[in-house]
Structure formats: structure tokens, C-alpha cells
């Protein structure tokens, strides 16, 4: 059984103090860096990414 790829990292876009995750060549902005809302959105985005076998729709 193939192992699932590691999820993309939660990163800090410093110029605007935003959280961002880079998935399939696109940046997905998650809101204010390190806020509970941005971590929640990151979790949702990663869950969607995992459901689609590492491909975000």
C-alpha cells in the first residue's frame, strides 16, 4: 500500500502577516497568521487535499 504524501506546510506570508499553504502550484491564503481561524481553514484544506489523494480541486 503506498504511503500518503506529507501535507503541505502551514507558512507565514510576512508582508501581509497572513498564513498560507502552497498546494498543487497555488497559494491558498488562510487568514491572519497563527489565528485559530487560519488553523481551522488549514485543517479543512488539508482534509480536502487528503480526500482527493493529494490533489486539491
PDB file of N, CA and C in Angstrom:
ATOM      1  N   UNK A   1       0.855  -1.176   0.000  1.00  0.00           N
ATOM      2  CA  UNK A   1       0.000   0.000   0.000  1.00  0.00           C
ATOM      3  C   UNK A   1       0.902   1.241   0.000  1.00  0.00           C
ATOM      4  N   UNK A   2       0.705   2.166  -0.957  1.00  0.00           N
ATOM      5  CA  UNK A   2       1.548   3.360  -0.992  1.00  0.00           C
ATOM      6  C   UNK A   2       1.242   4.278   0.194  1.00  0.00           C
ATOM      7  N   UNK A   3       2.287   4.885   0.697  1.00  0.00           N
ATOM      8  CA  UNK A   3       2.080   5.814   1.813  1.00  0.00           C
ATOM      9  C   UNK A   3       1.558   7.149   1.288  1.00  0.00           C
ATOM     10  N   UNK A   4       0.822   7.827   2.123  1.00  0.00           N
ATOM     11  CA  UNK A   4       0.252   9.112   1.744  1.00  0.00           C
ATOM     12  C   UNK A   4       1.338  10.183   1.826  1.00  0.00           C
ATOM     13  N   UNK A   5       1.398  11.095   0.859  1.00  0.00           N
ATOM     14  CA  UNK A   5       2.424  12.136   0.901  1.00  0.00           C
ATOM     15  C   UNK A   5       2.237  13.053   2.109  1.00  0.00           C
ATOM     16  N   UNK A   6       3.330  13.659   2.521  1.00  0.00           N
ATOM     17  CA  UNK A   6       3.259  14.610   3.627  1.00  0.00           C
ATOM     18  C   UNK A   6       2.416  15.811   3.211  1.00  0.00           C
ATOM     19  N   UNK A   7       1.620  16.342   4.121  1.00  0.00           N
ATOM     20  CA  UNK A   7       0.803  17.509   3.767  1.00  0.00           C
ATOM     21  C   UNK A   7       1.674  18.747   3.576  1.00  0.00           C
ATOM     22  N   UNK A   8       1.242  19.646   2.724  1.00  0.00           N
ATOM     23  CA  UNK A   8       1.961  20.914   2.553  1.00  0.00           C
ATOM     24  C   UNK A   8       1.997  21.687   3.869  1.00  0.00           C
ATOM     25  N   UNK A   9       3.045  22.449   4.063  1.00  0.00           N
ATOM     26  CA  UNK A   9       3.245  23.158   5.330  1.00  0.00           C
ATOM     27  C   UNK A   9       2.410  24.432   5.442  1.00  0.00           C
ATOM     28  N   UNK A  10       2.022  24.697   6.652  1.00  0.00           N
ATOM     29  CA  UNK A  10       1.392  25.967   7.047  1.00  0.00           C
ATOM     30  C   UNK A  10       2.544  26.962   7.126  1.00  0.00           C
ATOM     31  N   UNK A  11       2.462  28.036   6.352  1.00  0.00           N
ATOM     32  CA  UNK A  11       3.567  29.003   6.303  1.00  0.00           C
ATOM     33  C   UNK A  11       3.083  30.410   6.623  1.00  0.00           C
ATOM     34  N   UNK A  12       4.043  31.286   6.861  1.00  0.00           N
ATOM     35  CA  UNK A  12       3.766  32.684   7.187  1.00  0.00           C
ATOM     36  C   UNK A  12       4.163  33.555   6.004  1.00  0.00           C
ATOM     37  N   UNK A  13       3.194  34.301   5.461  1.00  0.00           N
ATOM     38  CA  UNK A  13       3.466  35.291   4.415  1.00  0.00           C
ATOM     39  C   UNK A  13       3.652  36.615   5.141  1.00  0.00           C
ATOM     40  N   UNK A  14       4.911  36.938   5.446  1.00  0.00           N
ATOM     41  CA  UNK A  14       5.235  38.052   6.326  1.00  0.00           C
ATOM     42  C   UNK A  14       4.787  39.432   5.836  1.00  0.00           C
ATOM     43  N   UNK A  15       4.884  39.747   4.537  1.00  0.00           N
ATOM     44  CA  UNK A  15       4.495  41.112   4.125  1.00  0.00           C
ATOM     45  C   UNK A  15       3.081  41.522   4.550  1.00  0.00           C
ATOM     46  N   UNK A  16       2.174  40.558   4.621  1.00  0.00           N
ATOM     47  CA  UNK A  16       0.790  40.881   4.998  1.00  0.00           C
ATOM     48  C   UNK A  16       0.349  40.166   6.267  1.00  0.00           C
ATOM     49  N   UNK A  17       1.282  39.492   6.945  1.00  0.00           N
ATOM     50  CA  UNK A  17       1.008  38.746   8.175  1.00  0.00           C
ATOM     51  C   UNK A  17      -0.133  37.745   7.978  1.00  0.00           C
ATOM     52  N   UNK A  18      -0.057  36.994   6.869  1.00  0.00           N
ATOM     53  CA  UNK A  18      -1.073  36.002   6.552  1.00  0.00           C
ATOM     54  C   UNK A  18      -0.500  34.598   6.624  1.00  0.00           C
ATOM     55  N   UNK A  19      -1.361  33.643   6.880  1.00  0.00           N
ATOM     56  CA  UNK A  19      -0.998  32.234   6.793  1.00  0.00           C
ATOM     57  C   UNK A  19      -1.293  31.775   5.371  1.00  0.00           C
ATOM     58  N   UNK A  20      -0.456  30.888   4.872  1.00  0.00           N
ATOM     59  CA  UNK A  20      -0.622  30.412   3.501  1.00  0.00           C
ATOM     60  C   UNK A  20      -0.167  28.958   3.427  1.00  0.00           C
ATOM     61  N   UNK A  21      -0.790  28.209   2.532  1.00  0.00           N
ATOM     62  CA  UNK A  21      -0.364  26.845   2.235  1.00  0.00           C
ATOM     63  C   UNK A  21      -0.282  26.748   0.711  1.00  0.00           C
ATOM     64  N   UNK A  22       0.775  26.134   0.215  1.00  0.00           N
ATOM     65  CA  UNK A  22       1.008  26.010  -1.227  1.00  0.00           C
ATOM     66  C   UNK A  22       0.602  24.604  -1.655  1.00  0.00           C
ATOM     67  N   UNK A  23      -0.458  24.514  -2.457  1.00  0.00           N
ATOM     68  CA  UNK A  23      -0.984  23.213  -2.888  1.00  0.00           C
ATOM     69  C   UNK A  23      -1.121  23.194  -4.403  1.00  0.00           C
ATOM     70  N   UNK A  24      -0.500  22.198  -5.020  1.00  0.00           N
ATOM     71  CA  UNK A  24      -0.598  22.000  -6.473  1.00  0.00           C
ATOM     72  C   UNK A  24      -0.301  23.262  -7.270  1.00  0.00           C
ATOM     73  N   UNK A  25       0.744  23.966  -6.871  1.00  0.00           N
ATOM     74  CA  UNK A  25       1.170  25.143  -7.611  1.00  0.00           C
ATOM     75  C   UNK A  25       0.408  26.413  -7.281  1.00  0.00           C
ATOM     76  N   UNK A  26      -0.506  26.365  -6.334  1.00  0.00           N
ATOM     77  CA  UNK A  26      -1.296  27.544  -5.974  1.00  0.00           C
ATOM     78  C   UNK A  26      -1.161  27.848  -4.488  1.00  0.00           C
ATOM     79  N   UNK A  27      -1.114  29.137  -4.165  1.00  0.00           N
ATOM     80  CA  UNK A  27      -1.127  29.544  -2.766  1.00  0.00           C
ATOM     81  C   UNK A  27      -2.570  29.708  -2.317  1.00  0.00           C
ATOM     82  N   UNK A  28      -2.869  29.136  -1.158  1.00  0.00           N
ATOM     83  CA  UNK A  28      -4.190  29.279  -0.554  1.00  0.00           C
ATOM     84  C   UNK A  28      -3.988  30.095   0.718  1.00  0.00           C
ATOM     85  N   UNK A  29      -4.534  31.310   0.725  1.00  0.00           N
ATOM     86  CA  UNK A  29      -4.393  32.185   1.893  1.00  0.00           C
ATOM     87  C   UNK A  29      -5.456  31.811   2.913  1.00  0.00           C
ATOM     88  N   UNK A  30      -5.027  31.718   4.167  1.00  0.00           N
ATOM     89  CA  UNK A  30      -5.864  31.152   5.212  1.00  0.00           C
ATOM     90  C   UNK A  30      -6.364  32.170   6.222  1.00  0.00           C
ATOM     91  N   UNK A  31      -5.899  33.396   6.139  1.00  0.00           N
ATOM     92  CA  UNK A  31      -6.279  34.417   7.114  1.00  0.00           C
ATOM     93  C   UNK A  31      -5.067  34.860   7.920  1.00  0.00           C
ATOM     94  N   UNK A  32      -5.315  35.611   8.979  1.00  0.00           N
ATOM     95  CA  UNK A  32      -4.235  36.133   9.813  1.00  0.00           C
ATOM     96  C   UNK A  32      -3.382  34.987  10.351  1.00  0.00           C
ATOM     97  N   UNK A  33      -2.068  35.144  10.213  1.00  0.00           N
ATOM     98  CA  UNK A  33      -1.141  34.087  10.629  1.00  0.00           C
ATOM     99  C   UNK A  33      -1.311  33.722  12.097  1.00  0.00           C
ATOM    100  N   UNK A  34      -1.337  32.440  12.351  1.00  0.00           N
ATOM    101  CA  UNK A  34      -1.400  31.854  13.690  1.00  0.00           C
ATOM    102  C   UNK A  34      -2.715  32.114  14.428  1.00  0.00           C
ATOM    103  N   UNK A  35      -3.738  32.524  13.704  1.00  0.00           N
ATOM    104  CA  UNK A  35      -5.049  32.707  14.338  1.00  0.00           C
ATOM    105  C   UNK A  35      -5.774  31.360  14.352  1.00  0.00           C
ATOM    106  N   UNK A  36      -6.703  31.180  15.285  1.00  0.00           N
ATOM    107  CA  UNK A  36      -7.474  29.930  15.311  1.00  0.00           C
ATOM    108  C   UNK A  36      -8.228  29.688  13.990  1.00  0.00           C
ATOM    109  N   UNK A  37      -8.706  30.768  13.386  1.00  0.00           N
ATOM    110  CA  UNK A  37      -9.449  30.646  12.123  1.00  0.00           C
ATOM    111  C   UNK A  37      -8.543  30.130  11.003  1.00  0.00           C
ATOM    112  N   UNK A  38      -7.293  30.617  10.955  1.00  0.00           N
ATOM    113  CA  UNK A  38      -6.394  30.175   9.888  1.00  0.00           C
ATOM    114  C   UNK A  38      -6.015  28.704  10.069  1.00  0.00           C
ATOM    115  N   UNK A  39      -5.845  28.264  11.318  1.00  0.00           N
ATOM    116  CA  UNK A  39      -5.532  26.851  11.568  1.00  0.00           C
ATOM    117  C   UNK A  39      -6.737  25.971  11.223  1.00  0.00           C
ATOM    118  N   UNK A  40      -7.934  26.467  11.489  1.00  0.00           N
ATOM    119  CA  UNK A  40      -9.145  25.717  11.139  1.00  0.00           C
ATOM    120  C   UNK A  40      -9.267  25.574   9.620  1.00  0.00           C
ATOM    121  N   UNK A  41      -9.027  26.678   8.911  1.00  0.00           N
ATOM    122  CA  UNK A  41      -9.101  26.632   7.447  1.00  0.00           C
ATOM    123  C   UNK A  41      -8.006  25.729   6.889  1.00  0.00           C
ATOM    124  N   UNK A  42      -6.810  25.776   7.475  1.00  0.00           N
ATOM    125  CA  UNK A  42      -5.719  24.891   7.053  1.00  0.00           C
ATOM    126  C   UNK A  42      -6.156  23.433   7.203  1.00  0.00           C
ATOM    127  N   UNK A  43      -6.769  23.107   8.326  1.00  0.00           N
ATOM    128  CA  UNK A  43      -7.233  21.733   8.556  1.00  0.00           C
ATOM    129  C   UNK A  43      -8.249  21.306   7.505  1.00  0.00           C
ATOM    130  N   UNK A  44      -9.175  22.209   7.174  1.00  0.00           N
ATOM    131  CA  UNK A  44     -10.181  21.894   6.153  1.00  0.00           C
ATOM    132  C   UNK A  44      -9.529  21.680   4.785  1.00  0.00           C
ATOM    133  N   UNK A  45      -8.589  22.572   4.423  1.00  0.00           N
ATOM    134  CA  UNK A  45      -7.918  22.480   3.123  1.00  0.00           C
ATOM    135  C   UNK A  45      -7.119  21.181   3.030  1.00  0.00           C
ATOM    136  N   UNK A  46      -6.416  20.829   4.101  1.00  0.00           N
ATOM    137  CA  UNK A  46      -5.622  19.599   4.097  1.00  0.00           C
ATOM    138  C   UNK A  46      -6.533  18.366   4.061  1.00  0.00           C
ATOM    139  N   UNK A  47      -7.650  18.416   4.764  1.00  0.00           N
ATOM    140  CA  UNK A  47      -8.596  17.291   4.721  1.00  0.00           C
ATOM    141  C   UNK A  47      -9.113  17.085   3.299  1.00  0.00           C
ATOM    142  N   UNK A  48      -9.435  18.177   2.625  1.00  0.00           N
ATOM    143  CA  UNK A  48      -9.890  18.099   1.232  1.00  0.00           C
ATOM    144  C   UNK A  48      -8.772  17.550   0.349  1.00  0.00           C
ATOM    145  N   UNK A  49      -7.567  18.014   0.565  1.00  0.00           N
ATOM    146  CA  UNK A  49      -6.406  17.571  -0.205  1.00  0.00           C
ATOM    147  C   UNK A  49      -6.191  16.062  -0.023  1.00  0.00           C
ATOM    148  N   UNK A  50      -6.298  15.587   1.230  1.00  0.00           N
ATOM    149  CA  UNK A  50      -6.123  14.150   1.506  1.00  0.00           C
ATOM    150  C   UNK A  50      -7.249  13.322   0.855  1.00  0.00           C
ATOM    151  N   UNK A  51      -8.464  13.830   0.887  1.00  0.00           N
ATOM    152  CA  UNK A  51      -9.593  13.105   0.311  1.00  0.00           C
ATOM    153  C   UNK A  51      -9.419  12.930  -1.194  1.00  0.00           C
ATOM    154  N   UNK A  52      -8.771  13.895  -1.815  1.00  0.00           N
ATOM    155  CA  UNK A  52      -8.553  13.844  -3.259  1.00  0.00           C
ATOM    156  C   UNK A  52      -7.182  13.271  -3.626  1.00  0.00           C
ATOM    157  N   UNK A  53      -6.600  12.483  -2.711  1.00  0.00           N
ATOM    158  CA  UNK A  53      -5.305  11.818  -2.952  1.00  0.00           C
ATOM    159  C   UNK A  53      -4.195  12.803  -3.312  1.00  0.00           C
ATOM    160  N   UNK A  54      -4.136  13.890  -2.591  1.00  0.00           N
ATOM    161  CA  UNK A  54      -3.054  14.854  -2.789  1.00  0.00           C
ATOM    162  C   UNK A  54      -3.293  15.846  -3.908  1.00  0.00           C
ATOM    163  N   UNK A  55      -4.525  15.912  -4.396  1.00  0.00           N
ATOM    164  CA  UNK A  55      -4.869  16.867  -5.449  1.00  0.00           C
ATOM    165  C   UNK A  55      -6.003  17.721  -4.954  1.00  0.00           C
ATOM    166  N   UNK A  56      -5.809  19.038  -4.920  1.00  0.00           N
ATOM    167  CA  UNK A  56      -6.870  19.944  -4.469  1.00  0.00           C
ATOM    168  C   UNK A  56      -7.700  20.343  -5.673  1.00  0.00           C
ATOM    169  N   UNK A  57      -8.997  20.280  -5.525  1.00  0.00           N
ATOM    170  CA  UNK A  57      -9.884  20.643  -6.649  1.00  0.00           C
ATOM    171  C   UNK A  57     -10.094  22.136  -6.717  1.00  0.00           C
TER     172      UNK A  57
END
